[in-house]
Amino acid sequence: MYRGASSTMPSQNRIRARVGGRTSAPRWLQVAAALWLAGAIPTAFAGSEIVGHAILRGDGSLLIKNEVIDLFGIYLPPTDFQCRDWESPVRCASRGVLALDFKVRGFITCYPRYETDDGRLKATCYVGRTGLTSGEDLAAYLIQRGWAVATPDAPFEYEAMEKIARVRGMGVWGFTVDSYSRPRWD
């Protein structure tokens, strides 16, 4: 018999006595529920990943398995449109999108962070991620080359990479090398 339990206790009291007198959920579950209600745990995406062939959209977002995904922690500033006419089909987009298009090949693995008001997912995405390699972070790739800037909610590493790209004069931080104006033939 457990402490405080007698043979004349009703059956419910015996069950409570066996589990330590608790009638509510375990403490860890109460804490997890409180954190979830406070918004500290994004349970809808915790541990989930989206893996698949990505289609790069004109605004720099990815379409994977019918989910529109924006790269977490970056903003692609508008730049002049350029066309890659040596490829078929010809791809015309801003320079940041073209740089991302160069990298988005094969399967992309994304780890959602949260969903925006318009239904898009913000996620950290990798190319070349397998069980043996961690792959390359697409947002970090763009920041290192100066085609994206870190947003206020970005990881510290993104901010450091942006400062380095700025000092080196890369991407949007550099001067325009391929700006070309056709001569006017009046």
N, C-alpha and C. Protein backbone atom coordinates (compact mmCIF):
# COMPACT_ATOMS: atom_id res chain seq x y z
N MET A 1 0.82 -1.18 0.00
CA MET A 1 0.00 0.00 0.00
C MET A 1 0.87 1.24 0.00
N TYR A 2 0.37 2.27 -0.63
CA TYR A 2 1.06 3.55 -0.66
C TYR A 2 0.70 4.39 0.55
N ARG A 3 1.57 5.36 0.84
CA ARG A 3 1.31 6.26 1.96
C ARG A 3 -0.05 6.92 1.82
N GLY A 4 -0.77 6.96 2.88
CA GLY A 4 -2.04 7.65 2.88
C GLY A 4 -3.17 6.84 2.27
N ALA A 5 -2.88 5.66 1.73
CA ALA A 5 -3.93 4.86 1.11
C ALA A 5 -4.37 3.79 2.11
N SER A 6 -5.60 3.60 2.22
CA SER A 6 -6.11 2.55 3.08
C SER A 6 -6.94 1.60 2.23
N SER A 7 -7.20 0.45 2.78
CA SER A 7 -7.95 -0.53 2.02
C SER A 7 -9.41 -0.13 1.84
N THR A 8 -9.85 0.88 2.58
CA THR A 8 -11.24 1.31 2.48
C THR A 8 -11.42 2.51 1.57
N MET A 9 -10.32 2.97 0.87
CA MET A 9 -10.42 4.12 -0.03
C MET A 9 -11.25 3.77 -1.25
N PRO A 10 -12.02 4.71 -1.74
CA PRO A 10 -12.70 4.46 -3.01
C PRO A 10 -11.67 4.22 -4.11
N SER A 11 -12.08 3.59 -5.18
CA SER A 11 -11.14 3.21 -6.24
C SER A 11 -10.45 4.41 -6.87
N GLN A 12 -11.12 5.57 -7.04
CA GLN A 12 -10.46 6.75 -7.62
C GLN A 12 -9.34 7.24 -6.74
N ASN A 13 -9.55 7.23 -5.44
CA ASN A 13 -8.50 7.69 -4.54
C ASN A 13 -7.29 6.77 -4.58
N ARG A 14 -7.49 5.46 -4.75
CA ARG A 14 -6.37 4.53 -4.86
C ARG A 14 -5.56 4.83 -6.12
N ILE A 15 -6.22 5.14 -7.23
CA ILE A 15 -5.51 5.45 -8.47
C ILE A 15 -4.70 6.72 -8.29
N ARG A 16 -5.29 7.75 -7.68
CA ARG A 16 -4.55 9.00 -7.43
C ARG A 16 -3.34 8.74 -6.55
N ALA A 17 -3.49 7.91 -5.56
CA ALA A 17 -2.38 7.62 -4.65
C ALA A 17 -1.26 6.92 -5.40
N ARG A 18 -1.56 6.06 -6.34
CA ARG A 18 -0.53 5.32 -7.08
C ARG A 18 0.27 6.22 -8.01
N VAL A 19 -0.32 7.26 -8.53
CA VAL A 19 0.39 8.15 -9.45
C VAL A 19 0.90 9.40 -8.75
N GLY A 20 1.07 9.33 -7.46
CA GLY A 20 1.65 10.43 -6.72
C GLY A 20 0.65 11.50 -6.33
N GLY A 21 -0.61 11.21 -6.38
CA GLY A 21 -1.61 12.17 -5.96
C GLY A 21 -1.98 13.19 -7.01
N ARG A 22 -1.39 13.10 -8.22
CA ARG A 22 -1.70 14.08 -9.27
C ARG A 22 -2.94 13.69 -10.02
N THR A 23 -3.75 14.68 -10.29
CA THR A 23 -4.92 14.43 -11.13
C THR A 23 -4.82 15.23 -12.42
N SER A 24 -3.82 16.12 -12.54
CA SER A 24 -3.66 16.93 -13.75
C SER A 24 -2.52 16.38 -14.60
N ALA A 25 -2.27 17.05 -15.73
CA ALA A 25 -1.22 16.63 -16.66
C ALA A 25 0.16 16.78 -16.00
N PRO A 26 1.14 16.02 -16.48
CA PRO A 26 2.50 16.15 -15.94
C PRO A 26 3.01 17.59 -16.09
N ARG A 27 3.93 17.97 -15.23
CA ARG A 27 4.45 19.34 -15.20
C ARG A 27 5.06 19.74 -16.54
N TRP A 28 5.83 18.85 -17.18
CA TRP A 28 6.48 19.19 -18.45
C TRP A 28 5.44 19.49 -19.53
N LEU A 29 4.31 18.78 -19.47
CA LEU A 29 3.26 19.01 -20.44
C LEU A 29 2.58 20.36 -20.19
N GLN A 30 2.41 20.71 -18.92
CA GLN A 30 1.84 22.01 -18.59
C GLN A 30 2.73 23.14 -19.07
N VAL A 31 4.05 23.00 -18.88
CA VAL A 31 5.00 24.03 -19.33
C VAL A 31 4.99 24.13 -20.85
N ALA A 32 4.99 22.99 -21.54
CA ALA A 32 4.98 23.00 -23.01
C ALA A 32 3.70 23.66 -23.54
N ALA A 33 2.57 23.36 -22.90
CA ALA A 33 1.30 23.97 -23.32
C ALA A 33 1.32 25.47 -23.10
N ALA A 34 1.88 25.90 -21.98
CA ALA A 34 1.96 27.34 -21.70
C ALA A 34 2.85 28.05 -22.72
N LEU A 35 3.99 27.42 -23.07
CA LEU A 35 4.87 28.02 -24.07
C LEU A 35 4.20 28.07 -25.44
N TRP A 36 3.47 27.03 -25.78
CA TRP A 36 2.78 27.00 -27.06
C TRP A 36 1.73 28.10 -27.13
N LEU A 37 0.96 28.25 -26.04
CA LEU A 37 -0.05 29.29 -26.02
C LEU A 37 0.56 30.69 -26.07
N ALA A 38 1.77 30.83 -25.52
CA ALA A 38 2.44 32.13 -25.55
C ALA A 38 3.09 32.39 -26.90
N GLY A 39 3.11 31.38 -27.78
CA GLY A 39 3.70 31.55 -29.11
C GLY A 39 5.19 31.29 -29.15
N ALA A 40 5.76 30.74 -28.08
CA ALA A 40 7.20 30.50 -28.05
C ALA A 40 7.58 29.25 -28.82
N ILE A 41 6.65 28.34 -29.03
CA ILE A 41 6.94 27.11 -29.75
C ILE A 41 6.05 27.07 -30.99
N PRO A 42 6.64 27.18 -32.18
CA PRO A 42 5.82 27.07 -33.40
C PRO A 42 5.53 25.61 -33.69
N THR A 43 4.59 25.01 -32.99
CA THR A 43 4.36 23.57 -33.09
C THR A 43 3.91 23.12 -34.47
N ALA A 44 3.30 23.97 -35.23
CA ALA A 44 2.83 23.56 -36.55
C ALA A 44 4.00 23.17 -37.45
N PHE A 45 5.18 23.74 -37.21
CA PHE A 45 6.31 23.47 -38.06
C PHE A 45 7.47 22.81 -37.33
N ALA A 46 7.33 22.60 -36.02
CA ALA A 46 8.43 22.03 -35.25
C ALA A 46 8.77 20.65 -35.78
N GLY A 47 10.01 20.47 -36.21
CA GLY A 47 10.48 19.19 -36.69
C GLY A 47 10.06 18.84 -38.10
N SER A 48 9.26 19.68 -38.75
CA SER A 48 8.83 19.35 -40.10
C SER A 48 9.83 19.89 -41.11
N GLU A 49 9.86 19.29 -42.24
CA GLU A 49 10.69 19.77 -43.33
C GLU A 49 9.93 19.57 -44.63
N ILE A 50 10.27 20.40 -45.59
CA ILE A 50 9.67 20.29 -46.91
C ILE A 50 10.82 20.01 -47.87
N VAL A 51 10.76 18.90 -48.54
CA VAL A 51 11.82 18.50 -49.47
C VAL A 51 11.19 18.26 -50.82
N GLY A 52 11.79 18.82 -51.85
CA GLY A 52 11.28 18.57 -53.19
C GLY A 52 11.97 19.42 -54.23
N HIS A 53 11.55 19.23 -55.45
CA HIS A 53 12.04 20.03 -56.55
C HIS A 53 11.42 21.42 -56.45
N ALA A 54 12.24 22.45 -56.51
CA ALA A 54 11.74 23.81 -56.34
C ALA A 54 11.61 24.51 -57.69
N ILE A 55 10.54 25.27 -57.79
CA ILE A 55 10.35 26.17 -58.93
C ILE A 55 10.57 27.57 -58.40
N LEU A 56 11.51 28.28 -59.01
CA LEU A 56 11.82 29.64 -58.59
C LEU A 56 10.84 30.59 -59.25
N ARG A 57 10.17 31.39 -58.44
CA ARG A 57 9.22 32.37 -58.95
C ARG A 57 9.91 33.70 -59.20
N GLY A 58 9.27 34.58 -59.91
CA GLY A 58 9.85 35.86 -60.31
C GLY A 58 10.20 36.79 -59.16
N ASP A 59 9.55 36.61 -58.00
CA ASP A 59 9.84 37.47 -56.85
C ASP A 59 10.90 36.87 -55.92
N GLY A 60 11.48 35.74 -56.30
CA GLY A 60 12.52 35.11 -55.50
C GLY A 60 11.99 34.08 -54.53
N SER A 61 10.70 33.83 -54.53
CA SER A 61 10.15 32.79 -53.66
C SER A 61 10.24 31.44 -54.37
N LEU A 62 10.15 30.39 -53.59
CA LEU A 62 10.23 29.03 -54.11
C LEU A 62 8.85 28.38 -54.03
N LEU A 63 8.55 27.55 -54.98
CA LEU A 63 7.33 26.76 -54.96
C LEU A 63 7.74 25.30 -54.84
N ILE A 64 7.46 24.72 -53.67
CA ILE A 64 7.79 23.32 -53.42
C ILE A 64 6.54 22.63 -52.89
N LYS A 65 6.11 21.60 -53.57
CA LYS A 65 4.93 20.82 -53.17
C LYS A 65 3.73 21.73 -52.88
N ASN A 66 3.46 22.63 -53.79
CA ASN A 66 2.33 23.57 -53.70
C ASN A 66 2.40 24.52 -52.51
N GLU A 67 3.58 24.70 -51.95
CA GLU A 67 3.79 25.66 -50.86
C GLU A 67 4.66 26.79 -51.40
N VAL A 68 4.24 28.04 -51.20
CA VAL A 68 5.06 29.19 -51.57
C VAL A 68 5.95 29.51 -50.38
N ILE A 69 7.25 29.50 -50.62
CA ILE A 69 8.23 29.65 -49.54
C ILE A 69 9.13 30.84 -49.82
N ASP A 70 9.19 31.75 -48.86
CA ASP A 70 10.15 32.86 -48.91
C ASP A 70 11.32 32.48 -48.02
N LEU A 71 12.52 32.87 -48.43
CA LEU A 71 13.70 32.56 -47.62
C LEU A 71 13.68 33.39 -46.35
N PHE A 72 13.85 32.73 -45.23
CA PHE A 72 13.81 33.39 -43.93
C PHE A 72 15.05 34.26 -43.72
N GLY A 73 14.83 35.46 -43.20
CA GLY A 73 15.92 36.31 -42.76
C GLY A 73 16.53 37.21 -43.81
N ILE A 74 15.96 37.22 -45.03
CA ILE A 74 16.53 38.08 -46.08
C ILE A 74 15.45 38.85 -46.81
N TYR A 75 15.91 39.90 -47.46
CA TYR A 75 15.08 40.69 -48.37
C TYR A 75 15.88 40.86 -49.65
N LEU A 76 15.24 40.61 -50.78
CA LEU A 76 15.89 40.80 -52.07
C LEU A 76 15.56 42.20 -52.57
N PRO A 77 16.53 43.12 -52.52
CA PRO A 77 16.23 44.47 -53.00
C PRO A 77 16.03 44.48 -54.50
N PRO A 78 15.20 45.37 -54.99
CA PRO A 78 14.97 45.42 -56.44
C PRO A 78 16.22 45.90 -57.17
N THR A 79 16.53 45.24 -58.24
CA THR A 79 17.64 45.63 -59.10
C THR A 79 17.12 45.62 -60.54
N ASP A 80 17.96 46.08 -61.45
CA ASP A 80 17.58 46.05 -62.86
C ASP A 80 17.34 44.62 -63.31
N PHE A 81 16.42 44.48 -64.25
CA PHE A 81 16.17 43.17 -64.84
C PHE A 81 17.28 42.86 -65.83
N GLN A 82 17.66 41.61 -65.83
CA GLN A 82 18.64 41.11 -66.78
C GLN A 82 18.08 39.85 -67.41
N CYS A 83 18.56 39.52 -68.57
CA CYS A 83 18.12 38.31 -69.25
C CYS A 83 19.31 37.42 -69.53
N ARG A 84 19.11 36.15 -69.30
CA ARG A 84 20.11 35.15 -69.67
C ARG A 84 19.65 34.56 -71.00
N ASP A 85 20.15 35.16 -72.08
CA ASP A 85 19.70 34.71 -73.39
C ASP A 85 20.53 33.56 -73.94
N TRP A 86 21.56 33.14 -73.23
CA TRP A 86 22.36 32.00 -73.65
C TRP A 86 21.75 30.69 -73.16
N GLU A 87 20.68 30.78 -72.35
CA GLU A 87 19.98 29.60 -71.87
C GLU A 87 18.65 29.47 -72.58
N SER A 88 18.15 28.26 -72.62
CA SER A 88 16.83 28.05 -73.18
C SER A 88 16.01 27.31 -72.14
N PRO A 89 14.91 27.83 -71.72
CA PRO A 89 14.29 29.09 -72.12
C PRO A 89 15.03 30.28 -71.51
N VAL A 90 14.88 31.41 -72.17
CA VAL A 90 15.51 32.64 -71.70
C VAL A 90 14.87 33.01 -70.36
N ARG A 91 15.72 33.37 -69.41
CA ARG A 91 15.22 33.74 -68.07
C ARG A 91 15.54 35.22 -67.83
N CYS A 92 14.51 36.02 -67.57
CA CYS A 92 14.68 37.43 -67.25
C CYS A 92 14.16 37.68 -65.84
N ALA A 93 14.98 38.32 -65.03
CA ALA A 93 14.60 38.60 -63.64
C ALA A 93 15.59 39.58 -63.05
N SER A 94 15.37 39.95 -61.79
CA SER A 94 16.34 40.80 -61.10
C SER A 94 17.60 39.98 -60.85
N ARG A 95 18.68 40.68 -60.57
CA ARG A 95 19.97 39.99 -60.42
C ARG A 95 19.98 39.04 -59.24
N GLY A 96 19.30 39.39 -58.15
CA GLY A 96 19.23 38.49 -57.00
C GLY A 96 18.50 37.20 -57.33
N VAL A 97 17.41 37.33 -58.08
CA VAL A 97 16.64 36.14 -58.48
C VAL A 97 17.46 35.28 -59.44
N LEU A 98 18.19 35.91 -60.34
CA LEU A 98 19.04 35.14 -61.27
C LEU A 98 20.16 34.41 -60.52
N ALA A 99 20.72 35.06 -59.49
CA ALA A 99 21.75 34.39 -58.69
C ALA A 99 21.14 33.19 -57.97
N LEU A 100 19.94 33.33 -57.45
CA LEU A 100 19.27 32.23 -56.79
C LEU A 100 18.91 31.13 -57.78
N ASP A 101 18.50 31.52 -58.98
CA ASP A 101 18.17 30.55 -60.03
C ASP A 101 19.39 29.70 -60.40
N PHE A 102 20.55 30.31 -60.36
CA PHE A 102 21.79 29.58 -60.65
C PHE A 102 22.02 28.48 -59.60
N LYS A 103 21.63 28.73 -58.38
CA LYS A 103 21.90 27.80 -57.27
C LYS A 103 20.81 26.76 -57.08
N VAL A 104 19.57 27.10 -57.42
CA VAL A 104 18.45 26.19 -57.17
C VAL A 104 18.44 25.11 -58.25
N ARG A 105 19.07 24.02 -57.93
CA ARG A 105 19.14 22.86 -58.83
C ARG A 105 18.89 21.61 -57.99
N GLY A 106 18.15 20.68 -58.51
CA GLY A 106 17.89 19.45 -57.76
C GLY A 106 16.90 19.68 -56.64
N PHE A 107 17.03 18.86 -55.61
CA PHE A 107 16.10 18.92 -54.50
C PHE A 107 16.52 19.97 -53.48
N ILE A 108 15.52 20.66 -52.96
CA ILE A 108 15.72 21.70 -51.96
C ILE A 108 15.06 21.22 -50.67
N THR A 109 15.74 21.42 -49.55
CA THR A 109 15.20 21.07 -48.24
C THR A 109 14.94 22.36 -47.48
N CYS A 110 13.70 22.56 -47.04
CA CYS A 110 13.32 23.77 -46.30
C CYS A 110 12.78 23.40 -44.93
N TYR A 111 13.15 24.21 -43.96
CA TYR A 111 12.67 24.07 -42.59
C TYR A 111 11.84 25.31 -42.26
N PRO A 112 10.51 25.18 -42.29
CA PRO A 112 9.65 26.34 -42.05
C PRO A 112 9.85 26.95 -40.67
N ARG A 113 9.82 28.29 -40.62
CA ARG A 113 9.91 29.03 -39.35
C ARG A 113 8.54 29.52 -38.93
N TYR A 114 7.81 30.13 -39.87
CA TYR A 114 6.47 30.61 -39.56
C TYR A 114 5.75 30.91 -40.87
N GLU A 115 4.45 31.17 -40.75
CA GLU A 115 3.62 31.49 -41.89
C GLU A 115 3.25 32.96 -41.84
N THR A 116 3.36 33.64 -42.97
CA THR A 116 3.02 35.05 -43.03
C THR A 116 1.51 35.23 -43.15
N ASP A 117 1.06 36.47 -43.05
CA ASP A 117 -0.37 36.76 -43.13
C ASP A 117 -0.99 36.37 -44.46
N ASP A 118 -0.19 36.41 -45.53
CA ASP A 118 -0.72 36.06 -46.85
C ASP A 118 -0.57 34.57 -47.18
N GLY A 119 -0.22 33.75 -46.20
CA GLY A 119 -0.17 32.30 -46.40
C GLY A 119 1.15 31.75 -46.89
N ARG A 120 2.14 32.60 -47.05
CA ARG A 120 3.46 32.12 -47.46
C ARG A 120 4.22 31.61 -46.24
N LEU A 121 5.10 30.64 -46.48
CA LEU A 121 5.95 30.15 -45.41
C LEU A 121 7.29 30.88 -45.46
N LYS A 122 7.81 31.23 -44.32
CA LYS A 122 9.18 31.73 -44.20
C LYS A 122 9.99 30.54 -43.73
N ALA A 123 11.03 30.19 -44.46
CA ALA A 123 11.78 28.99 -44.14
C ALA A 123 13.26 29.17 -44.44
N THR A 124 14.06 28.38 -43.74
CA THR A 124 15.48 28.28 -44.03
C THR A 124 15.63 27.12 -45.00
N CYS A 125 16.21 27.37 -46.17
CA CYS A 125 16.27 26.35 -47.22
C CYS A 125 17.72 26.06 -47.61
N TYR A 126 17.94 24.80 -47.95
CA TYR A 126 19.27 24.32 -48.30
C TYR A 126 19.22 23.59 -49.64
N VAL A 127 20.29 23.70 -50.38
CA VAL A 127 20.47 22.93 -51.60
C VAL A 127 21.58 21.92 -51.32
N GLY A 128 21.40 20.70 -51.83
CA GLY A 128 22.41 19.67 -51.66
C GLY A 128 22.46 19.06 -50.28
N ARG A 129 21.39 19.17 -49.52
CA ARG A 129 21.36 18.62 -48.17
C ARG A 129 20.99 17.14 -48.24
N THR A 130 21.85 16.32 -47.66
CA THR A 130 21.60 14.88 -47.60
C THR A 130 21.91 14.38 -46.20
N GLY A 131 21.86 13.10 -46.02
CA GLY A 131 22.21 12.53 -44.72
C GLY A 131 23.69 12.66 -44.42
N LEU A 132 24.50 12.90 -45.46
CA LEU A 132 25.94 12.98 -45.28
C LEU A 132 26.48 14.40 -45.29
N THR A 133 25.73 15.34 -45.83
CA THR A 133 26.19 16.72 -45.91
C THR A 133 25.08 17.68 -45.50
N SER A 134 25.47 18.80 -44.92
CA SER A 134 24.48 19.76 -44.46
C SER A 134 23.94 20.64 -45.58
N GLY A 135 24.57 20.62 -46.74
CA GLY A 135 24.10 21.43 -47.85
C GLY A 135 24.49 22.89 -47.71
N GLU A 136 24.00 23.72 -48.62
CA GLU A 136 24.31 25.15 -48.61
C GLU A 136 23.04 25.95 -48.37
N ASP A 137 23.10 26.86 -47.42
CA ASP A 137 21.98 27.73 -47.07
C ASP A 137 21.79 28.73 -48.20
N LEU A 138 20.60 28.74 -48.81
CA LEU A 138 20.35 29.61 -49.96
C LEU A 138 20.35 31.09 -49.58
N ALA A 139 19.81 31.43 -48.42
CA ALA A 139 19.80 32.83 -47.98
C ALA A 139 21.23 33.32 -47.74
N ALA A 140 22.04 32.50 -47.10
CA ALA A 140 23.44 32.86 -46.85
C ALA A 140 24.19 33.03 -48.17
N TYR A 141 23.89 32.18 -49.15
CA TYR A 141 24.51 32.28 -50.46
C TYR A 141 24.25 33.65 -51.09
N LEU A 142 22.99 34.10 -51.02
CA LEU A 142 22.64 35.40 -51.61
C LEU A 142 23.26 36.56 -50.84
N ILE A 143 23.28 36.48 -49.52
CA ILE A 143 23.86 37.56 -48.71
C ILE A 143 25.36 37.67 -48.95
N GLN A 144 26.05 36.54 -49.00
CA GLN A 144 27.50 36.55 -49.22
C GLN A 144 27.87 37.19 -50.55
N ARG A 145 27.01 37.06 -51.54
CA ARG A 145 27.29 37.63 -52.85
C ARG A 145 26.70 39.03 -53.03
N GLY A 146 26.06 39.53 -51.97
CA GLY A 146 25.56 40.90 -51.99
C GLY A 146 24.23 41.09 -52.69
N TRP A 147 23.49 40.02 -52.95
CA TRP A 147 22.21 40.14 -53.64
C TRP A 147 21.02 40.16 -52.71
N ALA A 148 21.26 40.03 -51.41
CA ALA A 148 20.19 40.09 -50.42
C ALA A 148 20.70 40.81 -49.19
N VAL A 149 19.77 41.38 -48.43
CA VAL A 149 20.13 42.03 -47.18
C VAL A 149 19.44 41.29 -46.04
N ALA A 150 20.07 41.31 -44.88
CA ALA A 150 19.52 40.63 -43.71
C ALA A 150 18.38 41.45 -43.12
N THR A 151 17.30 40.78 -42.76
CA THR A 151 16.17 41.45 -42.11
C THR A 151 16.42 41.51 -40.61
N PRO A 152 15.66 42.32 -39.89
CA PRO A 152 15.88 42.44 -38.44
C PRO A 152 15.75 41.12 -37.67
N ASP A 153 14.95 40.18 -38.16
CA ASP A 153 14.79 38.91 -37.45
C ASP A 153 15.78 37.84 -37.91
N ALA A 154 16.74 38.22 -38.74
CA ALA A 154 17.72 37.27 -39.29
C ALA A 154 18.71 36.82 -38.22
N PRO A 155 19.30 35.65 -38.41
CA PRO A 155 20.36 35.20 -37.51
C PRO A 155 21.56 36.15 -37.57
N PHE A 156 22.33 36.18 -36.52
CA PHE A 156 23.49 37.06 -36.44
C PHE A 156 24.46 36.81 -37.60
N GLU A 157 24.60 35.56 -38.02
CA GLU A 157 25.54 35.22 -39.10
C GLU A 157 25.18 35.96 -40.38
N TYR A 158 23.89 36.10 -40.65
CA TYR A 158 23.46 36.81 -41.85
C TYR A 158 23.88 38.27 -41.80
N GLU A 159 23.74 38.89 -40.63
CA GLU A 159 24.14 40.29 -40.49
C GLU A 159 25.64 40.45 -40.71
N ALA A 160 26.43 39.52 -40.19
CA ALA A 160 27.88 39.57 -40.38
C ALA A 160 28.24 39.38 -41.85
N MET A 161 27.58 38.44 -42.52
CA MET A 161 27.83 38.20 -43.95
C MET A 161 27.48 39.44 -44.78
N GLU A 162 26.39 40.11 -44.41
CA GLU A 162 25.99 41.31 -45.14
C GLU A 162 27.06 42.41 -45.00
N LYS A 163 27.60 42.58 -43.80
CA LYS A 163 28.64 43.60 -43.59
C LYS A 163 29.89 43.29 -44.41
N ILE A 164 30.24 42.02 -44.48
CA ILE A 164 31.41 41.63 -45.27
C ILE A 164 31.17 41.90 -46.75
N ALA A 165 29.99 41.55 -47.25
CA ALA A 165 29.67 41.81 -48.66
C ALA A 165 29.67 43.30 -48.95
N ARG A 166 29.18 44.08 -48.00
CA ARG A 166 29.15 45.54 -48.18
C ARG A 166 30.57 46.10 -48.26
N VAL A 167 31.45 45.65 -47.37
CA VAL A 167 32.84 46.13 -47.37
C VAL A 167 33.54 45.72 -48.65
N ARG A 168 33.25 44.54 -49.14
CA ARG A 168 33.89 44.06 -50.38
C ARG A 168 33.27 44.66 -51.64
N GLY A 169 32.15 45.36 -51.49
CA GLY A 169 31.50 45.99 -52.64
C GLY A 169 30.87 44.98 -53.58
N MET A 170 30.26 43.95 -53.02
CA MET A 170 29.67 42.90 -53.85
C MET A 170 28.18 43.16 -54.07
N GLY A 171 27.67 42.70 -55.19
CA GLY A 171 26.25 42.75 -55.49
C GLY A 171 25.69 44.16 -55.46
N VAL A 172 24.62 44.35 -54.69
CA VAL A 172 23.98 45.67 -54.62
C VAL A 172 24.86 46.71 -53.94
N TRP A 173 25.90 46.29 -53.24
CA TRP A 173 26.80 47.21 -52.54
C TRP A 173 27.91 47.72 -53.45
N GLY A 174 28.06 47.12 -54.61
CA GLY A 174 29.11 47.53 -55.53
C GLY A 174 28.61 48.49 -56.58
N PHE A 175 29.47 48.76 -57.51
CA PHE A 175 29.06 49.62 -58.61
C PHE A 175 28.53 48.75 -59.74
N THR A 176 27.73 49.34 -60.60
CA THR A 176 27.11 48.60 -61.69
C THR A 176 28.14 48.38 -62.78
N VAL A 177 28.46 47.12 -63.03
CA VAL A 177 29.48 46.81 -64.03
C VAL A 177 28.88 46.49 -65.37
N ASP A 178 27.64 46.05 -65.38
CA ASP A 178 27.08 45.65 -66.66
C ASP A 178 25.90 46.52 -67.06
N SER A 179 25.82 47.69 -66.50
CA SER A 179 24.79 48.61 -66.96
C SER A 179 25.17 49.04 -68.36
N TYR A 180 24.24 48.96 -69.23
CA TYR A 180 24.54 49.18 -70.63
C TYR A 180 23.43 49.99 -71.26
N SER A 181 23.79 51.05 -71.89
CA SER A 181 22.81 51.87 -72.60
C SER A 181 23.10 51.78 -74.08
N ARG A 182 22.07 51.52 -74.84
CA ARG A 182 22.26 51.47 -76.28
C ARG A 182 22.41 52.88 -76.81
N PRO A 183 23.29 53.06 -77.76
CA PRO A 183 23.44 54.42 -78.33
C PRO A 183 22.18 54.79 -79.10
N ARG A 184 21.84 56.02 -79.02
CA ARG A 184 20.66 56.51 -79.74
C ARG A 184 21.06 56.84 -81.17
N TRP A 185 20.35 56.30 -82.08
CA TRP A 185 20.60 56.54 -83.49
C TRP A 185 19.50 57.45 -84.01
N ASP A 186 19.65 58.71 -83.78
CA ASP A 186 18.63 59.66 -84.24
C ASP A 186 18.74 59.95 -85.68
